[in-house]
Amino acid sequence: MMGTMRPPAPSGKMTSRERVHAAAAGKPVDRVPVMYYLNPHTTCRLIAEFQPARNRFANIAAGYLWKRFCRGGGLDAPEIWRALPYLFNAYGYGAYSIELGADILLAPLGANGAIERLYVERKHLRVLDSYHSVRSLGGIYWDVHEPAIKDVAELKDYRFPDFTADKHYIAVSAARKTHPDACIMVEAFGVQDFFSTQIWSMAPFMMALYDYPTEVKEFMRRFCDWSVDTVHRGVKAGADAVFIYDDYGYNDRPFMSMKMWKEFTFPHLKRIVEAVHDAGALAMLHSCGVQTPFLEYYVEAGVDILQAFQPKAGNDFRIAYEKYGDRLAFATGIDIQLGEQINAQEMRESILNSYRIGRSHGRHILGMTHMLQYTMPADNIRAIFDTVREIQSGEHNQ
């Protein structure tokens, strides 16, 4: 059980890097660190309607793309106008988040989301990604259309992308040079999410756990070898933290039994976290869905920060923070899913309530519980950024 009082904040102003590292370790901070998580279409909307970017070209291009997307009918727009906002994917995660006041910048690794080839097939856009899966637009997201793996026999011969060259880490090193005081994260997949959503699909993956456990475990071991190498290279390029994508739950239960998760997934999560620490960085796990059954294992694995922690999935921040907040930092508190359903005042109170919970002991990063969607009501968008800025100014410290 944690104590009742948080240590006094330092008297001087901290850099974002210092602030995030201190919060992750439960040390005093001058103010709560902030993390934004923006959908690229949302980035275009924010630039066009809420806060212009510092880059003049970005203002013109984002405004144009947002207008074309809206005029085309949003989700009913032609594929080209649903796809082009992805030009702002890295900008929204990176420089623009910093402009909005975030402390954390996410720099894409060459291994994640890289396009090997863009082409048209039967009048539809297709992308061949770095993992050899073919993707198509499902609404505004690039869903796997043809997975790289068709059956378990192909696992043995699957070859992971070669990302040993420095060119694949340019975004990280460039961000470090441009934003020397920011906390820079490099992204990586966890073994379960990579396997079940990026190169295969959920149903055959789940069946393979039962029918071909030996083959699955060997593939996971090879993935982990590859992931550890990319983690070390990303940190060497300038990252302070590694953002590990690995969703484990539905809204009401884990994807698989806890027994199977501990057998198949947990050892590799632990190994990746150990590699992050060995490289000298923080490990932040992004995991959607129900998280309560996993918290004790995150602590055992050494996860520094858990990101998302969605209330809609039955995750109670107050209860979890009271039990684990002395050993695990939580990046949460701006409830994006709830924000689609409530008014601006309720949005404001929801953020302030989470902030009050987190500031009682530290180990809290005020972050979005999911990507901010372009469908968020305008008043609620203003409430989010206005409330966070008030918190950053110290207005709610009493």
Protein backbone atom coordinates (compact mmCIF):
# COMPACT_ATOMS: atom_id res chain seq x y z
CA MET A 1 0.00 0.00 0.00
CA MET A 2 1.30 3.44 -0.89
CA GLY A 3 1.75 6.32 1.49
CA THR A 4 -0.74 9.14 1.71
CA MET A 5 1.45 12.03 0.60
CA ARG A 6 3.40 12.64 -2.57
CA PRO A 7 6.95 14.05 -2.19
CA PRO A 8 7.23 17.81 -2.79
CA ALA A 9 7.79 18.86 -6.40
CA PRO A 10 11.20 20.21 -7.41
CA SER A 11 11.49 23.99 -7.30
CA GLY A 12 13.06 24.32 -10.77
CA LYS A 13 11.54 23.60 -14.17
CA MET A 14 12.30 20.16 -15.60
CA THR A 15 12.76 19.19 -19.23
CA SER A 16 10.25 16.77 -20.70
CA ARG A 17 12.85 14.00 -20.65
CA GLU A 18 13.55 14.59 -16.97
CA ARG A 19 9.86 14.85 -16.17
CA VAL A 20 8.88 11.54 -17.79
CA HIS A 21 11.81 9.62 -16.33
CA ALA A 22 11.04 11.00 -12.87
CA ALA A 23 7.33 10.18 -13.12
CA ALA A 24 8.10 6.63 -14.27
CA ALA A 25 10.37 6.15 -11.25
CA GLY A 26 7.96 7.69 -8.75
CA LYS A 27 10.24 10.66 -8.13
CA PRO A 28 9.03 14.27 -7.67
CA VAL A 29 8.12 16.20 -10.82
CA ASP A 30 7.49 19.90 -11.40
CA ARG A 31 4.19 18.99 -13.14
CA VAL A 32 2.50 15.91 -14.50
CA PRO A 33 3.91 14.77 -17.87
CA VAL A 34 1.48 14.78 -20.79
CA MET A 35 1.12 12.32 -23.67
CA TYR A 36 -1.16 12.85 -26.67
CA TYR A 37 -2.14 10.07 -29.07
CA LEU A 38 -3.56 11.43 -32.33
CA ASN A 39 -5.21 9.71 -35.26
CA PRO A 40 -3.80 11.26 -38.51
CA HIS A 41 -7.23 12.45 -39.61
CA THR A 42 -7.59 14.11 -36.22
CA THR A 43 -4.21 15.78 -36.71
CA CYS A 44 -5.47 17.31 -39.95
CA ARG A 45 -8.65 18.49 -38.23
CA LEU A 46 -6.80 19.99 -35.28
CA ILE A 47 -4.43 21.88 -37.55
CA ALA A 48 -7.30 23.12 -39.72
CA GLU A 49 -9.76 24.04 -36.97
CA PHE A 50 -8.09 24.31 -33.56
CA GLN A 51 -4.37 25.03 -33.48
CA PRO A 52 -2.34 25.76 -36.61
CA ALA A 53 0.97 23.99 -36.98
CA ARG A 54 4.19 25.95 -36.79
CA ASN A 55 5.08 24.62 -40.21
CA ARG A 56 3.39 26.74 -42.90
CA PHE A 57 3.32 23.91 -45.45
CA ALA A 58 1.74 21.59 -42.88
CA ASN A 59 -1.04 24.13 -42.32
CA ILE A 60 -1.84 24.36 -46.02
CA ALA A 61 -1.65 20.62 -46.69
CA ALA A 62 -3.55 19.50 -43.58
CA GLY A 63 -6.28 22.06 -44.17
CA TYR A 64 -6.69 20.95 -47.76
CA LEU A 65 -6.78 17.25 -46.91
CA TRP A 66 -9.27 17.78 -44.11
CA LYS A 67 -11.61 19.69 -46.43
CA ARG A 68 -11.41 17.04 -49.12
CA PHE A 69 -12.04 14.29 -46.59
CA CYS A 70 -15.12 16.09 -45.22
CA ARG A 71 -16.49 17.11 -48.61
CA GLY A 72 -16.12 13.54 -49.81
CA GLY A 73 -18.34 12.33 -46.99
CA GLY A 74 -15.80 11.25 -44.37
CA LEU A 75 -15.95 7.46 -44.25
CA ASP A 76 -17.79 7.56 -47.57
CA ALA A 77 -15.07 9.63 -49.24
CA PRO A 78 -13.07 8.09 -52.10
CA GLU A 79 -10.18 5.98 -50.87
CA ILE A 80 -7.56 8.51 -51.93
CA TRP A 81 -8.99 11.17 -49.57
CA ARG A 82 -9.26 8.68 -46.73
CA ALA A 83 -5.67 7.56 -47.29
CA LEU A 84 -3.80 10.85 -47.78
CA PRO A 85 -4.17 12.10 -44.17
CA TYR A 86 -1.68 9.34 -43.29
CA LEU A 87 0.96 11.71 -44.60
CA PHE A 88 0.47 13.39 -41.21
CA ASN A 89 0.75 10.22 -39.15
CA ALA A 90 4.31 10.78 -37.96
CA TYR A 91 3.80 14.53 -37.63
CA GLY A 92 0.78 14.03 -35.36
CA TYR A 93 2.64 11.56 -33.15
CA GLY A 94 5.72 13.74 -33.16
CA ALA A 95 6.34 17.44 -33.69
CA TYR A 96 2.68 18.47 -33.58
CA SER A 97 2.10 16.70 -30.25
CA ILE A 98 4.99 18.72 -28.85
CA GLU A 99 3.45 21.90 -30.26
CA LEU A 100 0.22 21.03 -28.45
CA GLY A 101 2.12 20.81 -25.19
CA ALA A 102 2.91 17.11 -24.85
CA ASP A 103 6.12 15.90 -23.23
CA ILE A 104 6.35 12.68 -25.25
CA LEU A 105 7.09 12.32 -28.93
CA LEU A 106 6.63 9.02 -30.77
CA ALA A 107 9.18 8.49 -33.55
CA PRO A 108 8.32 5.70 -36.01
CA LEU A 109 10.77 2.88 -36.46
CA GLY A 110 11.41 1.71 -39.99
CA ALA A 111 9.99 -1.67 -39.04
CA ASN A 112 6.54 -0.34 -38.18
CA GLY A 113 4.12 0.92 -40.78
CA ALA A 114 6.73 1.22 -43.54
CA ILE A 115 5.34 0.95 -47.05
CA GLU A 116 7.22 -1.37 -49.36
CA ARG A 117 4.81 -0.80 -52.23
CA LEU A 118 1.60 1.15 -52.86
CA TYR A 119 -0.54 -0.01 -55.76
CA VAL A 120 -4.10 -0.27 -57.10
CA GLU A 121 -5.87 -3.60 -57.41
CA ARG A 122 -9.40 -3.78 -58.81
CA LYS A 123 -9.79 -0.04 -58.24
CA HIS A 124 -8.80 -0.32 -54.57
CA LEU A 125 -5.64 0.94 -52.91
CA ARG A 126 -3.32 -1.72 -51.57
CA VAL A 127 -0.19 -1.47 -49.46
CA LEU A 128 2.51 -4.11 -49.14
CA ASP A 129 4.03 -3.45 -45.73
CA SER A 130 7.42 -4.29 -44.25
CA TYR A 131 6.09 -7.50 -42.73
CA HIS A 132 4.95 -8.82 -46.15
CA SER A 133 1.24 -8.38 -45.38
CA VAL A 134 -1.04 -6.63 -47.87
CA ARG A 135 -3.31 -3.96 -46.42
CA SER A 136 -6.44 -2.21 -47.65
CA LEU A 137 -8.47 0.67 -46.29
CA GLY A 138 -11.21 -0.30 -43.88
CA GLY A 139 -12.86 3.04 -43.21
CA ILE A 140 -9.83 5.15 -42.30
CA TYR A 141 -7.54 2.35 -41.10
CA TRP A 142 -5.16 0.18 -43.08
CA ASP A 143 -6.44 -3.29 -42.21
CA VAL A 144 -4.61 -6.47 -43.13
CA HIS A 145 -6.19 -7.70 -46.35
CA GLU A 146 -3.86 -10.60 -47.12
CA PRO A 147 -1.76 -11.69 -44.13
CA ALA A 148 1.86 -12.65 -44.69
CA ILE A 149 1.22 -16.01 -43.02
CA LYS A 150 -1.47 -18.26 -44.46
CA ASP A 151 -0.91 -21.35 -42.31
CA VAL A 152 1.33 -22.61 -39.53
CA ALA A 153 3.69 -24.35 -41.95
CA GLU A 154 4.87 -20.94 -43.18
CA LEU A 155 6.05 -19.84 -39.74
CA LYS A 156 9.32 -21.71 -40.01
CA ASP A 157 10.39 -19.94 -43.19
CA TYR A 158 9.07 -16.48 -42.31
CA ARG A 159 11.82 -13.89 -42.54
CA PHE A 160 11.64 -10.75 -40.47
CA PRO A 161 12.55 -7.48 -42.17
CA ASP A 162 16.19 -6.49 -42.10
CA PHE A 163 16.31 -3.29 -40.07
CA THR A 164 19.95 -3.29 -39.14
CA ALA A 165 20.81 -0.27 -41.32
CA ASP A 166 20.89 3.18 -39.73
CA LYS A 167 18.43 4.50 -42.34
CA HIS A 168 15.59 2.74 -40.55
CA TYR A 169 16.18 4.84 -37.43
CA ILE A 170 16.44 8.24 -39.11
CA ALA A 171 13.14 9.42 -37.61
CA VAL A 172 14.47 8.70 -34.13
CA SER A 173 17.81 10.43 -34.59
CA ALA A 174 16.18 13.38 -36.36
CA ALA A 175 13.67 13.81 -33.53
CA ARG A 176 16.48 13.69 -30.98
CA LYS A 177 18.31 16.46 -32.84
CA THR A 178 15.23 18.64 -33.36
CA HIS A 179 13.71 18.11 -29.89
CA PRO A 180 16.66 17.61 -27.52
CA ASP A 181 14.54 18.13 -24.39
CA ALA A 182 11.57 15.95 -25.40
CA CYS A 183 11.02 12.39 -24.22
CA ILE A 184 11.30 10.40 -27.45
CA MET A 185 9.72 6.97 -27.80
CA VAL A 186 10.42 4.46 -30.52
CA GLU A 187 7.69 1.96 -31.34
CA ALA A 188 7.82 -1.83 -31.32
CA PHE A 189 5.31 -4.67 -31.42
CA GLY A 190 4.88 -7.20 -28.67
CA VAL A 191 4.83 -10.84 -29.68
CA GLN A 192 1.07 -11.44 -29.36
CA ASP A 193 -0.14 -8.40 -31.28
CA PHE A 194 2.44 -8.82 -34.03
CA PHE A 195 1.55 -12.45 -34.55
CA SER A 196 -2.25 -12.17 -34.38
CA THR A 197 -2.90 -8.82 -36.13
CA GLN A 198 0.07 -7.91 -38.33
CA ILE A 199 1.12 -11.09 -40.14
CA TRP A 200 -1.76 -13.46 -39.38
CA SER A 201 -5.27 -13.09 -37.99
CA MET A 202 -6.75 -13.73 -34.58
CA ALA A 203 -8.76 -16.92 -35.19
CA PRO A 204 -6.00 -19.08 -36.75
CA PHE A 205 -3.50 -17.69 -34.24
CA MET A 206 -5.68 -18.81 -31.34
CA MET A 207 -6.20 -22.25 -32.86
CA ALA A 208 -2.46 -22.62 -33.43
CA LEU A 209 -1.84 -22.11 -29.72
CA TYR A 210 -3.72 -25.37 -29.12
CA ASP A 211 -2.81 -27.33 -32.23
CA TYR A 212 0.80 -26.30 -32.85
CA PRO A 213 2.25 -25.01 -29.57
CA THR A 214 5.82 -26.03 -30.43
CA GLU A 215 5.81 -24.20 -33.75
CA VAL A 216 4.20 -21.12 -32.19
CA LYS A 217 6.74 -20.96 -29.37
CA GLU A 218 9.65 -21.27 -31.77
CA PHE A 219 8.27 -18.45 -33.91
CA MET A 220 7.77 -16.27 -30.85
CA ARG A 221 11.35 -16.95 -29.79
CA ARG A 222 12.62 -15.82 -33.20
CA PHE A 223 10.41 -12.75 -33.09
CA CYS A 224 11.76 -11.85 -29.69
CA ASP A 225 15.35 -12.13 -30.94
CA TRP A 226 14.51 -9.75 -33.78
CA SER A 227 12.56 -7.35 -31.53
CA VAL A 228 15.38 -7.15 -28.98
CA ASP A 229 17.79 -6.16 -31.75
CA THR A 230 15.52 -3.40 -33.07
CA VAL A 231 14.93 -2.11 -29.54
CA HIS A 232 18.66 -1.72 -28.94
CA ARG A 233 19.13 0.05 -32.26
CA GLY A 234 16.21 2.40 -31.64
CA VAL A 235 17.52 3.42 -28.23
CA LYS A 236 21.02 3.85 -29.64
CA ALA A 237 19.55 6.23 -32.23
CA GLY A 238 18.25 8.46 -29.44
CA ALA A 239 15.05 7.06 -27.92
CA ASP A 240 14.36 7.51 -24.20
CA ALA A 241 11.60 4.91 -24.15
CA VAL A 242 10.17 2.04 -26.18
CA PHE A 243 6.42 1.95 -26.90
CA ILE A 244 5.41 -1.73 -27.03
CA TYR A 245 2.11 -2.44 -28.81
CA ASP A 246 0.49 -5.59 -27.44
CA ASP A 247 -3.28 -5.69 -26.89
CA TYR A 248 -4.35 -8.44 -24.49
CA GLY A 249 -8.04 -8.01 -23.81
CA TYR A 250 -11.63 -7.55 -24.87
CA ASN A 251 -13.74 -5.12 -22.84
CA ASP A 252 -14.69 -7.80 -20.33
CA ARG A 253 -12.05 -10.56 -20.49
CA PRO A 254 -8.60 -11.44 -21.84
CA PHE A 255 -8.24 -12.71 -25.40
CA MET A 256 -6.93 -16.01 -24.06
CA SER A 257 -6.86 -17.74 -20.70
CA MET A 258 -4.39 -16.34 -18.20
CA LYS A 259 -2.72 -19.75 -18.10
CA MET A 260 -2.02 -19.63 -21.82
CA TRP A 261 -0.99 -15.96 -21.70
CA LYS A 262 1.55 -16.74 -18.98
CA GLU A 263 2.86 -19.67 -21.01
CA PHE A 264 3.05 -18.09 -24.48
CA THR A 265 3.16 -14.30 -24.16
CA PHE A 266 4.50 -13.31 -20.76
CA PRO A 267 8.06 -14.70 -21.12
CA HIS A 268 8.57 -12.66 -24.29
CA LEU A 269 7.08 -9.49 -22.85
CA LYS A 270 9.48 -9.86 -19.94
CA ARG A 271 12.43 -10.41 -22.25
CA ILE A 272 11.63 -7.36 -24.39
CA VAL A 273 11.26 -5.19 -21.27
CA GLU A 274 14.60 -6.48 -20.01
CA ALA A 275 16.18 -5.58 -23.36
CA VAL A 276 14.72 -2.06 -23.13
CA HIS A 277 16.21 -1.63 -19.67
CA ASP A 278 19.51 -3.11 -20.79
CA ALA A 279 19.61 -0.46 -23.52
CA GLY A 280 19.03 2.22 -20.88
CA ALA A 281 15.46 3.18 -21.75
CA LEU A 282 11.96 3.05 -20.28
CA ALA A 283 9.45 0.39 -21.31
CA MET A 284 5.93 1.69 -21.96
CA LEU A 285 3.34 -0.97 -22.78
CA HIS A 286 0.30 -0.01 -24.84
CA SER A 287 -2.42 -2.56 -24.23
CA CYS A 288 -6.13 -2.03 -24.90
CA GLY A 289 -9.03 -3.82 -23.29
CA VAL A 290 -9.29 -5.22 -19.79
CA GLN A 291 -5.96 -4.93 -17.95
CA THR A 292 -6.64 -5.75 -14.31
CA PRO A 293 -5.72 -9.48 -14.57
CA PHE A 294 -2.30 -8.59 -15.99
CA LEU A 295 -1.13 -5.85 -13.64
CA GLU A 296 0.83 -8.04 -11.23
CA TYR A 297 2.65 -9.60 -14.18
CA TYR A 298 3.52 -6.20 -15.66
CA VAL A 299 5.13 -5.36 -12.33
CA GLU A 300 6.99 -8.67 -12.34
CA ALA A 301 8.17 -8.08 -15.91
CA GLY A 302 9.46 -4.63 -14.97
CA VAL A 303 7.14 -2.59 -17.22
CA ASP A 304 7.72 1.06 -16.35
CA ILE A 305 4.54 2.62 -17.77
CA LEU A 306 1.18 1.16 -18.81
CA GLN A 307 -0.56 3.25 -21.46
CA ALA A 308 -4.29 3.40 -22.24
CA PHE A 309 -6.04 1.80 -19.23
CA GLN A 310 -9.48 2.35 -20.72
CA PRO A 311 -12.34 2.79 -18.21
CA LYS A 312 -14.78 1.45 -20.80
CA ALA A 313 -13.05 -1.93 -20.50
CA GLY A 314 -13.73 -2.09 -16.77
CA ASN A 315 -10.36 -0.69 -15.71
CA ASP A 316 -10.70 1.36 -12.51
CA PHE A 317 -7.80 3.80 -12.29
CA ARG A 318 -8.33 4.65 -8.63
CA ILE A 319 -8.32 1.02 -7.49
CA ALA A 320 -5.43 -0.06 -9.72
CA TYR A 321 -3.37 3.00 -8.84
CA GLU A 322 -3.83 2.47 -5.14
CA LYS A 323 -2.66 -1.15 -5.44
CA TYR A 324 0.10 -0.86 -8.04
CA GLY A 325 0.96 2.83 -8.31
CA ASP A 326 4.06 2.44 -6.15
CA ARG A 327 5.51 0.00 -8.72
CA LEU A 328 3.89 0.86 -12.05
CA ALA A 329 3.26 4.22 -13.72
CA PHE A 330 0.00 4.77 -15.59
CA ALA A 331 -0.34 6.90 -18.74
CA THR A 332 -4.08 7.52 -18.72
CA GLY A 333 -6.76 9.98 -17.64
CA ILE A 334 -8.08 11.57 -20.86
CA ASP A 335 -10.94 9.22 -21.66
CA ILE A 336 -11.34 9.39 -25.43
CA GLN A 337 -14.15 6.84 -25.63
CA LEU A 338 -16.21 8.55 -22.92
CA GLY A 339 -15.50 11.89 -24.58
CA GLU A 340 -17.57 10.88 -27.61
CA GLN A 341 -20.68 10.61 -25.40
CA ILE A 342 -20.50 13.39 -22.79
CA ASN A 343 -20.52 17.19 -22.82
CA ALA A 344 -17.55 19.51 -22.46
CA GLN A 345 -18.01 20.14 -18.72
CA GLU A 346 -18.20 16.41 -18.04
CA MET A 347 -15.08 15.92 -20.16
CA ARG A 348 -13.29 18.54 -18.10
CA GLU A 349 -14.33 16.99 -14.78
CA SER A 350 -13.31 13.52 -15.96
CA ILE A 351 -9.78 14.74 -16.73
CA LEU A 352 -9.49 16.64 -13.46
CA ASN A 353 -10.68 13.64 -11.48
CA SER A 354 -8.00 11.42 -13.04
CA TYR A 355 -5.39 14.12 -12.46
CA ARG A 356 -6.30 14.33 -8.77
CA ILE A 357 -5.94 10.56 -8.42
CA GLY A 358 -2.58 10.56 -10.16
CA ARG A 359 -1.08 13.56 -8.41
CA SER A 360 -1.72 12.04 -5.00
CA HIS A 361 1.38 9.87 -5.29
CA GLY A 362 3.07 10.41 -8.67
CA ARG A 363 3.86 7.73 -11.25
CA HIS A 364 1.19 9.23 -13.48
CA ILE A 365 1.37 10.55 -17.04
CA LEU A 366 -1.75 12.37 -18.14
CA GLY A 367 -2.48 10.58 -21.39
CA MET A 368 -5.22 9.69 -23.82
CA THR A 369 -6.86 6.30 -23.35
CA HIS A 370 -6.87 5.76 -27.10
CA MET A 371 -6.20 7.68 -30.30
CA LEU A 372 -8.15 10.93 -30.39
CA GLN A 373 -10.65 10.44 -33.20
CA TYR A 374 -11.75 13.08 -35.70
CA THR A 375 -15.37 12.44 -34.60
CA MET A 376 -14.83 13.96 -31.14
CA PRO A 377 -17.26 16.90 -30.58
CA ALA A 378 -15.54 20.25 -31.07
CA ASP A 379 -16.40 21.52 -27.59
CA ASN A 380 -14.89 18.39 -26.05
CA ILE A 381 -11.69 18.81 -28.04
CA ARG A 382 -11.37 22.33 -26.67
CA ALA A 383 -12.13 21.04 -23.18
CA ILE A 384 -9.34 18.47 -23.42
CA PHE A 385 -6.59 20.88 -24.44
CA ASP A 386 -7.81 23.77 -22.29
CA THR A 387 -8.05 21.58 -19.18
CA VAL A 388 -4.62 20.06 -19.74
CA ARG A 389 -3.09 23.50 -20.18
CA GLU A 390 -4.69 24.63 -16.93
CA ILE A 391 -3.17 21.62 -15.20
CA GLN A 392 0.22 22.35 -16.73
CA SER A 393 0.07 25.94 -15.49
CA GLY A 394 -0.52 24.74 -11.93
CA GLU A 395 -4.08 26.04 -11.69
CA HIS A 396 -5.37 22.79 -10.14
CA ASN A 397 -2.59 22.03 -7.71
CA GLN A 398 -4.53 23.00 -4.60
